[in-house]
PDB file of all heavy atoms in Angstrom:
ATOM      1  N   LEU A   1     107.389  82.250  82.824  1.00  0.00           N
ATOM      2  CA  LEU A   1     106.201  82.713  83.616  1.00  0.00           C
ATOM      3  C   LEU A   1     105.848  81.866  84.793  1.00  0.00           C
ATOM      4  O   LEU A   1     105.504  82.441  85.897  1.00  0.00           O
ATOM      5  CB  LEU A   1     105.026  82.708  82.580  1.00  0.00           C
ATOM      6  CG  LEU A   1     105.115  83.717  81.504  1.00  0.00           C
ATOM      7  CD1 LEU A   1     104.085  83.329  80.363  1.00  0.00           C
ATOM      8  CD2 LEU A   1     104.755  85.131  82.001  1.00  0.00           C
ATOM      9  N   GLU A   2     105.976  80.590  84.687  1.00  0.00           N
ATOM     10  CA  GLU A   2     105.660  79.704  85.839  1.00  0.00           C
ATOM     11  C   GLU A   2     106.767  79.838  86.920  1.00  0.00           C
ATOM     12  O   GLU A   2     106.485  79.808  88.113  1.00  0.00           O
ATOM     13  CB  GLU A   2     105.637  78.258  85.375  1.00  0.00           C
ATOM     14  CG  GLU A   2     104.324  77.938  84.641  1.00  0.00           C
ATOM     15  CD  GLU A   2     103.077  77.944  85.560  1.00  0.00           C
ATOM     16  OE1 GLU A   2     103.180  78.099  86.790  1.00  0.00           O
ATOM     17  OE2 GLU A   2     101.974  77.933  85.001  1.00  0.00           O
ATOM     18  N   THR A   3     108.054  80.149  86.461  1.00  0.00           N
ATOM     19  CA  THR A   3     109.076  80.340  87.384  1.00  0.00           C
ATOM     20  C   THR A   3     108.778  81.568  88.275  1.00  0.00           C
ATOM     21  O   THR A   3     108.989  81.577  89.476  1.00  0.00           O
ATOM     22  CB  THR A   3     110.439  80.630  86.667  1.00  0.00           C
ATOM     23  OG1 THR A   3     110.665  79.368  85.939  1.00  0.00           O
ATOM     24  CG2 THR A   3     111.563  80.842  87.685  1.00  0.00           C
ATOM     25  N   ILE A   4     108.346  82.668  87.610  1.00  0.00           N
ATOM     26  CA  ILE A   4     108.010  83.889  88.341  1.00  0.00           C
ATOM     27  C   ILE A   4     106.875  83.581  89.319  1.00  0.00           C
ATOM     28  O   ILE A   4     106.864  84.091  90.519  1.00  0.00           O
ATOM     29  CB  ILE A   4     107.589  84.973  87.390  1.00  0.00           C
ATOM     30  CG1 ILE A   4     108.826  85.424  86.516  1.00  0.00           C
ATOM     31  CG2 ILE A   4     107.028  86.231  88.151  1.00  0.00           C
ATOM     32  CD1 ILE A   4     108.363  86.317  85.349  1.00  0.00           C
ATOM     33  N   ARG A   5     105.877  82.853  88.897  1.00  0.00           N
ATOM     34  CA  ARG A   5     104.647  82.622  89.723  1.00  0.00           C
ATOM     35  C   ARG A   5     105.109  81.688  90.922  1.00  0.00           C
ATOM     36  O   ARG A   5     104.384  81.739  91.999  1.00  0.00           O
ATOM     37  CB  ARG A   5     103.498  81.959  88.991  1.00  0.00           C
ATOM     38  CG  ARG A   5     102.272  81.891  89.837  1.00  0.00           C
ATOM     39  CD  ARG A   5     100.934  81.734  89.036  1.00  0.00           C
ATOM     40  NE  ARG A   5     100.904  80.475  88.325  1.00  0.00           N
ATOM     41  CZ  ARG A   5      99.732  80.173  87.641  1.00  0.00           C
ATOM     42  NH1 ARG A   5      98.621  81.010  87.763  1.00  0.00           N
ATOM     43  NH2 ARG A   5      99.680  79.029  86.920  1.00  0.00           N
ATOM     44  N   SER A   6     106.108  80.899  90.851  1.00  0.00           N
ATOM     45  CA  SER A   6     106.561  80.101  91.953  1.00  0.00           C
ATOM     46  C   SER A   6     107.024  80.909  93.082  1.00  0.00           C
ATOM     47  O   SER A   6     107.198  80.524  94.255  1.00  0.00           O
ATOM     48  CB  SER A   6     107.622  79.074  91.539  1.00  0.00           C
ATOM     49  OG  SER A   6     108.762  79.772  91.123  1.00  0.00           O
ATOM     50  N   HIS A   7     107.428  82.240  92.791  1.00  0.00           N
ATOM     51  CA  HIS A   7     107.882  83.132  93.767  1.00  0.00           C
ATOM     52  C   HIS A   7     106.989  84.336  94.126  1.00  0.00           C
ATOM     53  O   HIS A   7     107.126  84.974  95.181  1.00  0.00           O
ATOM     54  CB  HIS A   7     109.357  83.655  93.422  1.00  0.00           C
ATOM     55  CG  HIS A   7     110.354  82.608  93.243  1.00  0.00           C
ATOM     56  ND1 HIS A   7     110.800  81.808  94.272  1.00  0.00           N
ATOM     57  CD2 HIS A   7     110.999  82.022  92.185  1.00  0.00           C
ATOM     58  CE1 HIS A   7     111.654  80.911  93.827  1.00  0.00           C
ATOM     59  NE2 HIS A   7     111.771  81.009  92.561  1.00  0.00           N
ATOM     60  N   ILE A   8     106.106  84.606  93.176  1.00  0.00           N
ATOM     61  CA  ILE A   8     105.295  85.796  93.251  1.00  0.00           C
ATOM     62  C   ILE A   8     103.761  85.295  93.074  1.00  0.00           C
ATOM     63  O   ILE A   8     103.461  84.830  91.987  1.00  0.00           O
ATOM     64  CB  ILE A   8     105.525  86.876  92.360  1.00  0.00           C
ATOM     65  CG1 ILE A   8     107.007  87.484  92.519  1.00  0.00           C
ATOM     66  CG2 ILE A   8     104.553  88.012  92.447  1.00  0.00           C
ATOM     67  CD1 ILE A   8     107.424  88.481  91.501  1.00  0.00           C
ATOM     68  N   GLU A   9     102.996  85.320  94.161  1.00  0.00           N
ATOM     69  CA  GLU A   9     101.686  84.788  94.097  1.00  0.00           C
ATOM     70  C   GLU A   9     100.797  85.714  93.146  1.00  0.00           C
ATOM     71  O   GLU A   9     100.857  86.900  93.358  1.00  0.00           O
ATOM     72  CB  GLU A   9     100.990  84.651  95.417  1.00  0.00           C
ATOM     73  CG  GLU A   9      99.716  84.015  95.492  1.00  0.00           C
ATOM     74  CD  GLU A   9      99.118  83.827  96.915  1.00  0.00           C
ATOM     75  OE1 GLU A   9      99.915  83.833  97.827  1.00  0.00           O
ATOM     76  OE2 GLU A   9      97.861  83.567  97.010  1.00  0.00           O
ATOM     77  N   SER A  10     100.066  85.149  92.301  1.00  0.00           N
ATOM     78  CA  SER A  10      99.270  85.914  91.336  1.00  0.00           C
ATOM     79  C   SER A  10      98.111  85.161  90.871  1.00  0.00           C
ATOM     80  O   SER A  10      98.093  83.866  90.903  1.00  0.00           O
ATOM     81  CB  SER A  10     100.163  86.244  90.101  1.00  0.00           C
ATOM     82  OG  SER A  10      99.500  87.135  89.256  1.00  0.00           O
ATOM     83  N   GLN A  11      97.002  85.828  90.487  1.00  0.00           N
ATOM     84  CA  GLN A  11      95.719  85.245  90.046  1.00  0.00           C
ATOM     85  C   GLN A  11      95.827  84.516  88.786  1.00  0.00           C
ATOM     86  O   GLN A  11      95.253  83.479  88.537  1.00  0.00           O
ATOM     87  CB  GLN A  11      94.614  86.275  90.041  1.00  0.00           C
ATOM     88  CG  GLN A  11      94.272  86.884  91.405  1.00  0.00           C
ATOM     89  CD  GLN A  11      93.251  87.965  91.302  1.00  0.00           C
ATOM     90  OE1 GLN A  11      92.520  88.133  90.250  1.00  0.00           O
ATOM     91  NE2 GLN A  11      93.115  88.783  92.297  1.00  0.00           N
ATOM     92  N   LYS A  12      96.601  85.037  87.864  1.00  0.00           N
ATOM     93  CA  LYS A  12      96.658  84.384  86.478  1.00  0.00           C
ATOM     94  C   LYS A  12      97.986  84.835  85.773  1.00  0.00           C
ATOM     95  O   LYS A  12      98.663  85.676  86.188  1.00  0.00           O
ATOM     96  CB  LYS A  12      95.505  84.924  85.676  1.00  0.00           C
ATOM     97  CG  LYS A  12      95.417  86.349  85.382  1.00  0.00           C
ATOM     98  CD  LYS A  12      94.224  86.737  84.610  1.00  0.00           C
ATOM     99  CE  LYS A  12      94.080  88.270  84.494  1.00  0.00           C
ATOM    100  NZ  LYS A  12      92.870  88.629  83.677  1.00  0.00           N
ATOM    101  N   ILE A  13      98.239  83.982  84.763  1.00  0.00           N
ATOM    102  CA  ILE A  13      99.344  84.232  83.859  1.00  0.00           C
ATOM    103  C   ILE A  13      98.906  84.483  82.504  1.00  0.00           C
ATOM    104  O   ILE A  13      97.984  83.792  82.008  1.00  0.00           O
ATOM    105  CB  ILE A  13     100.289  82.892  83.882  1.00  0.00           C
ATOM    106  CG1 ILE A  13     101.145  82.837  85.122  1.00  0.00           C
ATOM    107  CG2 ILE A  13     101.159  82.894  82.637  1.00  0.00           C
ATOM    108  CD1 ILE A  13     102.065  81.632  85.164  1.00  0.00           C
ATOM    109  N   ILE A  14      99.551  85.410  81.876  1.00  0.00           N
ATOM    110  CA  ILE A  14      99.122  85.808  80.449  1.00  0.00           C
ATOM    111  C   ILE A  14     100.450  85.796  79.631  1.00  0.00           C
ATOM    112  O   ILE A  14     101.257  86.587  79.791  1.00  0.00           O
ATOM    113  CB  ILE A  14      98.524  87.259  80.409  1.00  0.00           C
ATOM    114  CG1 ILE A  14      97.262  87.273  81.248  1.00  0.00           C
ATOM    115  CG2 ILE A  14      98.132  87.587  79.000  1.00  0.00           C
ATOM    116  CD1 ILE A  14      96.559  88.673  81.300  1.00  0.00           C
ATOM    117  N   PRO A  15     100.509  84.788  78.728  1.00  0.00           N
ATOM    118  CA  PRO A  15     101.708  84.690  77.880  1.00  0.00           C
ATOM    119  C   PRO A  15     101.658  85.747  76.750  1.00  0.00           C
ATOM    120  O   PRO A  15     100.640  86.368  76.469  1.00  0.00           O
ATOM    121  CB  PRO A  15     101.690  83.350  77.339  1.00  0.00           C
ATOM    122  CG  PRO A  15     100.166  83.084  77.300  1.00  0.00           C
ATOM    123  CD  PRO A  15      99.566  83.726  78.425  1.00  0.00           C
ATOM    124  N   ALA A  16     102.788  85.935  76.115  1.00  0.00           N
ATOM    125  CA  ALA A  16     102.839  86.763  74.895  1.00  0.00           C
ATOM    126  C   ALA A  16     102.127  86.012  73.862  1.00  0.00           C
ATOM    127  O   ALA A  16     101.950  84.852  73.946  1.00  0.00           O
ATOM    128  CB  ALA A  16     104.270  87.066  74.528  1.00  0.00           C
ATOM    129  N   ALA A  17     101.694  86.795  72.810  1.00  0.00           N
ATOM    130  CA  ALA A  17     100.919  86.161  71.761  1.00  0.00           C
ATOM    131  C   ALA A  17     101.317  86.648  70.372  1.00  0.00           C
ATOM    132  O   ALA A  17     101.801  87.739  70.331  1.00  0.00           O
ATOM    133  CB  ALA A  17      99.410  86.364  71.996  1.00  0.00           C
ATOM    134  N   LEU A  18     101.035  85.898  69.364  1.00  0.00           N
ATOM    135  CA  LEU A  18     101.399  86.289  68.026  1.00  0.00           C
ATOM    136  C   LEU A  18     100.063  86.106  67.105  1.00  0.00           C
ATOM    137  O   LEU A  18      99.394  85.016  67.255  1.00  0.00           O
ATOM    138  CB  LEU A  18     102.503  85.412  67.501  1.00  0.00           C
ATOM    139  CG  LEU A  18     102.851  85.508  66.027  1.00  0.00           C
ATOM    140  CD1 LEU A  18     103.596  86.761  65.794  1.00  0.00           C
ATOM    141  CD2 LEU A  18     103.778  84.341  65.627  1.00  0.00           C
ATOM    142  N   ARG A  19      99.737  86.996  66.299  1.00  0.00           N
ATOM    143  CA  ARG A  19      98.643  86.849  65.370  1.00  0.00           C
ATOM    144  C   ARG A  19      99.159  86.016  64.154  1.00  0.00           C
ATOM    145  O   ARG A  19     100.169  86.268  63.674  1.00  0.00           O
ATOM    146  CB  ARG A  19      98.176  88.160  64.928  1.00  0.00           C
ATOM    147  CG  ARG A  19      97.254  88.836  65.833  1.00  0.00           C
ATOM    148  CD  ARG A  19      96.833  90.215  65.475  1.00  0.00           C
ATOM    149  NE  ARG A  19      96.169  90.250  64.152  1.00  0.00           N
ATOM    150  CZ  ARG A  19      94.884  90.068  63.952  1.00  0.00           C
ATOM    151  NH1 ARG A  19      94.074  89.788  64.961  1.00  0.00           N
ATOM    152  NH2 ARG A  19      94.354  90.083  62.740  1.00  0.00           N
ATOM    153  N   LEU A  20      98.344  84.975  63.844  1.00  0.00           N
ATOM    154  CA  LEU A  20      98.706  84.116  62.765  1.00  0.00           C
ATOM    155  C   LEU A  20      97.578  84.054  61.654  1.00  0.00           C
ATOM    156  O   LEU A  20      96.385  83.951  62.088  1.00  0.00           O
ATOM    157  CB  LEU A  20      98.905  82.733  63.330  1.00  0.00           C
ATOM    158  CG  LEU A  20      99.701  81.692  62.510  1.00  0.00           C
ATOM    159  CD1 LEU A  20     101.115  82.205  62.336  1.00  0.00           C
ATOM    160  CD2 LEU A  20      99.713  80.353  63.195  1.00  0.00           C
ATOM    161  N   VAL A  21      97.988  84.138  60.488  1.00  0.00           N
ATOM    162  CA  VAL A  21      96.949  84.278  59.359  1.00  0.00           C
ATOM    163  C   VAL A  21      97.164  83.046  58.472  1.00  0.00           C
ATOM    164  O   VAL A  21      98.267  82.761  58.008  1.00  0.00           O
ATOM    165  CB  VAL A  21      97.194  85.576  58.547  1.00  0.00           C
ATOM    166  CG1 VAL A  21      96.149  85.585  57.407  1.00  0.00           C
ATOM    167  CG2 VAL A  21      97.127  86.719  59.369  1.00  0.00           C
ATOM    168  N   ASP A  22      96.099  82.223  58.338  1.00  0.00           N
ATOM    169  CA  ASP A  22      96.134  81.025  57.460  1.00  0.00           C
ATOM    170  C   ASP A  22      95.689  81.524  56.053  1.00  0.00           C
ATOM    171  O   ASP A  22      94.590  81.720  55.882  1.00  0.00           O
ATOM    172  CB  ASP A  22      95.214  80.007  58.025  1.00  0.00           C
ATOM    173  CG  ASP A  22      95.153  78.769  57.144  1.00  0.00           C
ATOM    174  OD1 ASP A  22      96.136  78.474  56.429  1.00  0.00           O
ATOM    175  OD2 ASP A  22      94.191  77.876  57.253  1.00  0.00           O
ATOM    176  N   ILE A  23      96.605  81.515  55.142  1.00  0.00           N
ATOM    177  CA  ILE A  23      96.298  81.975  53.828  1.00  0.00           C
ATOM    178  C   ILE A  23      96.112  80.759  52.856  1.00  0.00           C
ATOM    179  O   ILE A  23      96.856  79.884  52.857  1.00  0.00           O
ATOM    180  CB  ILE A  23      97.521  82.906  53.302  1.00  0.00           C
ATOM    181  CG1 ILE A  23      97.672  84.125  54.232  1.00  0.00           C
ATOM    182  CG2 ILE A  23      97.242  83.346  51.804  1.00  0.00           C
ATOM    183  CD1 ILE A  23      98.891  84.890  54.013  1.00  0.00           C
ATOM    184  N   ALA A  24      94.939  80.807  52.158  1.00  0.00           N
ATOM    185  CA  ALA A  24      94.612  79.637  51.359  1.00  0.00           C
ATOM    186  C   ALA A  24      95.703  79.227  50.387  1.00  0.00           C
ATOM    187  O   ALA A  24      96.606  79.995  49.980  1.00  0.00           O
ATOM    188  CB  ALA A  24      93.373  79.899  50.572  1.00  0.00           C
ATOM    189  N   GLY A  25      95.745  77.893  50.070  1.00  0.00           N
ATOM    190  CA  GLY A  25      96.852  77.291  49.338  1.00  0.00           C
ATOM    191  C   GLY A  25      97.120  78.071  48.014  1.00  0.00           C
ATOM    192  O   GLY A  25      96.187  78.363  47.162  1.00  0.00           O
ATOM    193  N   ILE A  26      98.392  78.400  47.767  1.00  0.00           N
ATOM    194  CA  ILE A  26      98.867  79.057  46.525  1.00  0.00           C
ATOM    195  C   ILE A  26      99.093  77.971  45.537  1.00  0.00           C
ATOM    196  O   ILE A  26      99.661  76.921  45.807  1.00  0.00           O
ATOM    197  CB  ILE A  26     100.152  79.823  46.878  1.00  0.00           C
ATOM    198  CG1 ILE A  26      99.835  81.042  47.829  1.00  0.00           C
ATOM    199  CG2 ILE A  26     100.697  80.438  45.533  1.00  0.00           C
ATOM    200  CD1 ILE A  26     101.050  81.692  48.265  1.00  0.00           C
ATOM    201  N   VAL A  27      98.744  78.268  44.285  1.00  0.00           N
ATOM    202  CA  VAL A  27      98.994  77.248  43.174  1.00  0.00           C
ATOM    203  C   VAL A  27      99.942  77.937  42.193  1.00  0.00           C
ATOM    204  O   VAL A  27     100.104  79.136  42.083  1.00  0.00           O
ATOM    205  CB  VAL A  27      97.720  76.812  42.481  1.00  0.00           C
ATOM    206  CG1 VAL A  27      96.785  76.123  43.471  1.00  0.00           C
ATOM    207  CG2 VAL A  27      97.035  78.023  41.880  1.00  0.00           C
ATOM    208  N   LYS A  28     100.548  77.130  41.365  1.00  0.00           N
ATOM    209  CA  LYS A  28     101.430  77.644  40.256  1.00  0.00           C
ATOM    210  C   LYS A  28     100.597  78.449  39.404  1.00  0.00           C
ATOM    211  O   LYS A  28      99.436  78.070  38.908  1.00  0.00           O
ATOM    212  CB  LYS A  28     102.030  76.455  39.534  1.00  0.00           C
ATOM    213  CG  LYS A  28     103.087  76.864  38.543  1.00  0.00           C
ATOM    214  CD  LYS A  28     103.785  75.642  37.928  1.00  0.00           C
ATOM    215  CE  LYS A  28     104.896  76.155  36.942  1.00  0.00           C
ATOM    216  NZ  LYS A  28     105.665  74.912  36.394  1.00  0.00           N
ATOM    217  N   GLY A  29     101.028  79.665  39.046  1.00  0.00           N
ATOM    218  CA  GLY A  29     100.315  80.589  38.239  1.00  0.00           C
ATOM    219  C   GLY A  29      99.422  81.627  38.984  1.00  0.00           C
ATOM    220  O   GLY A  29      98.717  82.410  38.417  1.00  0.00           O
ATOM    221  N   ALA A  30      99.602  81.648  40.325  1.00  0.00           N
ATOM    222  CA  ALA A  30      98.816  82.519  41.206  1.00  0.00           C
ATOM    223  C   ALA A  30      99.068  83.958  40.817  1.00  0.00           C
ATOM    224  O   ALA A  30      98.144  84.790  40.838  1.00  0.00           O
ATOM    225  CB  ALA A  30      99.115  82.240  42.719  1.00  0.00           C
ATOM    226  N   SER A  31     100.361  84.311  40.480  1.00  0.00           N
ATOM    227  CA  SER A  31     100.686  85.660  40.238  1.00  0.00           C
ATOM    228  C   SER A  31      99.969  86.099  38.866  1.00  0.00           C
ATOM    229  O   SER A  31      99.894  87.317  38.632  1.00  0.00           O
ATOM    230  CB  SER A  31     102.214  85.814  39.995  1.00  0.00           C
ATOM    231  OG  SER A  31     102.630  84.989  39.010  1.00  0.00           O
ATOM    232  N   GLN A  32      99.555  85.188  38.089  1.00  0.00           N
ATOM    233  CA  GLN A  32      98.785  85.380  36.848  1.00  0.00           C
ATOM    234  C   GLN A  32      97.360  85.166  37.031  1.00  0.00           C
ATOM    235  O   GLN A  32      96.564  85.179  36.083  1.00  0.00           O
ATOM    236  CB  GLN A  32      99.311  84.597  35.616  1.00  0.00           C
ATOM    237  CG  GLN A  32     100.594  85.166  35.020  1.00  0.00           C
ATOM    238  CD  GLN A  32     101.848  84.939  35.819  1.00  0.00           C
ATOM    239  OE1 GLN A  32     102.027  83.796  36.162  1.00  0.00           O
ATOM    240  NE2 GLN A  32     102.583  85.859  36.074  1.00  0.00           N
ATOM    241  N   GLY A  33      96.914  84.988  38.255  1.00  0.00           N
ATOM    242  CA  GLY A  33      95.496  84.861  38.579  1.00  0.00           C
ATOM    243  C   GLY A  33      95.015  83.441  38.641  1.00  0.00           C
ATOM    244  O   GLY A  33      93.774  83.249  38.790  1.00  0.00           O
ATOM    245  N   GLU A  34      95.798  82.493  38.576  1.00  0.00           N
ATOM    246  CA  GLU A  34      95.432  81.058  38.756  1.00  0.00           C
ATOM    247  C   GLU A  34      94.901  80.857  40.195  1.00  0.00           C
ATOM    248  O   GLU A  34      95.385  81.435  41.086  1.00  0.00           O
ATOM    249  CB  GLU A  34      96.559  80.036  38.484  1.00  0.00           C
ATOM    250  CG  GLU A  34      96.981  79.987  37.041  1.00  0.00           C
ATOM    251  CD  GLU A  34      95.919  79.431  36.144  1.00  0.00           C
ATOM    252  OE1 GLU A  34      95.224  78.506  36.600  1.00  0.00           O
ATOM    253  OE2 GLU A  34      95.801  79.987  35.027  1.00  0.00           O
ATOM    254  N   GLY A  35      93.954  79.944  40.317  1.00  0.00           N
ATOM    255  CA  GLY A  35      93.286  79.737  41.589  1.00  0.00           C
ATOM    256  C   GLY A  35      92.577  81.023  41.926  1.00  0.00           C
ATOM    257  O   GLY A  35      91.803  81.597  41.112  1.00  0.00           O
ATOM    258  N   LEU A  36      92.791  81.539  43.156  1.00  0.00           N
ATOM    259  CA  LEU A  36      92.256  82.826  43.565  1.00  0.00           C
ATOM    260  C   LEU A  36      93.345  83.879  43.439  1.00  0.00           C
ATOM    261  O   LEU A  36      93.092  85.003  43.878  1.00  0.00           O
ATOM    262  CB  LEU A  36      91.683  82.682  44.916  1.00  0.00           C
ATOM    263  CG  LEU A  36      90.264  81.930  45.001  1.00  0.00           C
ATOM    264  CD1 LEU A  36      89.889  81.712  46.406  1.00  0.00           C
ATOM    265  CD2 LEU A  36      89.269  82.642  44.160  1.00  0.00           C
ATOM    266  N   GLY A  37      94.516  83.488  42.922  1.00  0.00           N
ATOM    267  CA  GLY A  37      95.537  84.439  42.546  1.00  0.00           C
ATOM    268  C   GLY A  37      95.806  85.592  43.476  1.00  0.00           C
ATOM    269  O   GLY A  37      96.040  85.395  44.709  1.00  0.00           O
ATOM    270  N   ASN A  38      95.750  86.761  42.967  1.00  0.00           N
ATOM    271  CA  ASN A  38      96.189  88.002  43.680  1.00  0.00           C
ATOM    272  C   ASN A  38      95.312  88.266  44.852  1.00  0.00           C
ATOM    273  O   ASN A  38      95.701  89.053  45.750  1.00  0.00           O
ATOM    274  CB  ASN A  38      96.303  89.142  42.787  1.00  0.00           C
ATOM    275  CG  ASN A  38      97.435  88.999  41.736  1.00  0.00           C
ATOM    276  OD1 ASN A  38      98.491  88.464  42.166  1.00  0.00           O
ATOM    277  ND2 ASN A  38      97.238  89.427  40.564  1.00  0.00           N
ATOM    278  N   LYS A  39      94.103  87.722  44.854  1.00  0.00           N
ATOM    279  CA  LYS A  39      93.277  87.953  46.026  1.00  0.00           C
ATOM    280  C   LYS A  39      93.859  87.381  47.285  1.00  0.00           C
ATOM    281  O   LYS A  39      93.739  88.036  48.383  1.00  0.00           O
ATOM    282  CB  LYS A  39      91.923  87.391  45.808  1.00  0.00           C
ATOM    283  CG  LYS A  39      91.095  88.029  44.680  1.00  0.00           C
ATOM    284  CD  LYS A  39      89.829  87.380  44.386  1.00  0.00           C
ATOM    285  CE  LYS A  39      89.091  88.033  43.166  1.00  0.00           C
ATOM    286  NZ  LYS A  39      87.905  87.341  42.798  1.00  0.00           N
ATOM    287  N   PHE A  40      94.612  86.282  47.141  1.00  0.00           N
ATOM    288  CA  PHE A  40      95.272  85.732  48.319  1.00  0.00           C
ATOM    289  C   PHE A  40      96.632  86.263  48.401  1.00  0.00           C
ATOM    290  O   PHE A  40      97.163  86.371  49.575  1.00  0.00           O
ATOM    291  CB  PHE A  40      95.292  84.177  48.220  1.00  0.00           C
ATOM    292  CG  PHE A  40      94.010  83.590  48.592  1.00  0.00           C
ATOM    293  CD1 PHE A  40      93.365  82.776  47.633  1.00  0.00           C
ATOM    294  CD2 PHE A  40      93.367  83.738  49.829  1.00  0.00           C
ATOM    295  CE1 PHE A  40      92.152  82.189  47.965  1.00  0.00           C
ATOM    296  CE2 PHE A  40      92.142  83.188  50.167  1.00  0.00           C
ATOM    297  CZ  PHE A  40      91.509  82.374  49.193  1.00  0.00           C
ATOM    298  N   LEU A  41      97.280  86.630  47.325  1.00  0.00           N
ATOM    299  CA  LEU A  41      98.605  87.240  47.455  1.00  0.00           C
ATOM    300  C   LEU A  41      98.515  88.550  48.244  1.00  0.00           C
ATOM    301  O   LEU A  41      99.451  88.891  48.989  1.00  0.00           O
ATOM    302  CB  LEU A  41      99.160  87.477  46.110  1.00  0.00           C
ATOM    303  CG  LEU A  41      99.506  86.220  45.282  1.00  0.00           C
ATOM    304  CD1 LEU A  41      99.995  86.580  43.852  1.00  0.00           C
ATOM    305  CD2 LEU A  41     100.673  85.433  45.989  1.00  0.00           C
ATOM    306  N   SER A  42      97.400  89.258  48.157  1.00  0.00           N
ATOM    307  CA  SER A  42      97.214  90.465  48.772  1.00  0.00           C
ATOM    308  C   SER A  42      97.192  90.241  50.324  1.00  0.00           C
ATOM    309  O   SER A  42      97.683  91.213  51.031  1.00  0.00           O
ATOM    310  CB  SER A  42      95.937  91.205  48.422  1.00  0.00           C
ATOM    311  OG  SER A  42      94.761  90.450  48.810  1.00  0.00           O
TER     312      SER A  42
END
């Protein structure tokens, strides 16, 4: 992106982006409902 801007004048640069989801810690037994279980597995 910066390489392109070094040759083409532009007001701003917008990179590609990825949505990231932070899912609360899984514990042993989650599939049987331990911790918050399937609510986080979903």
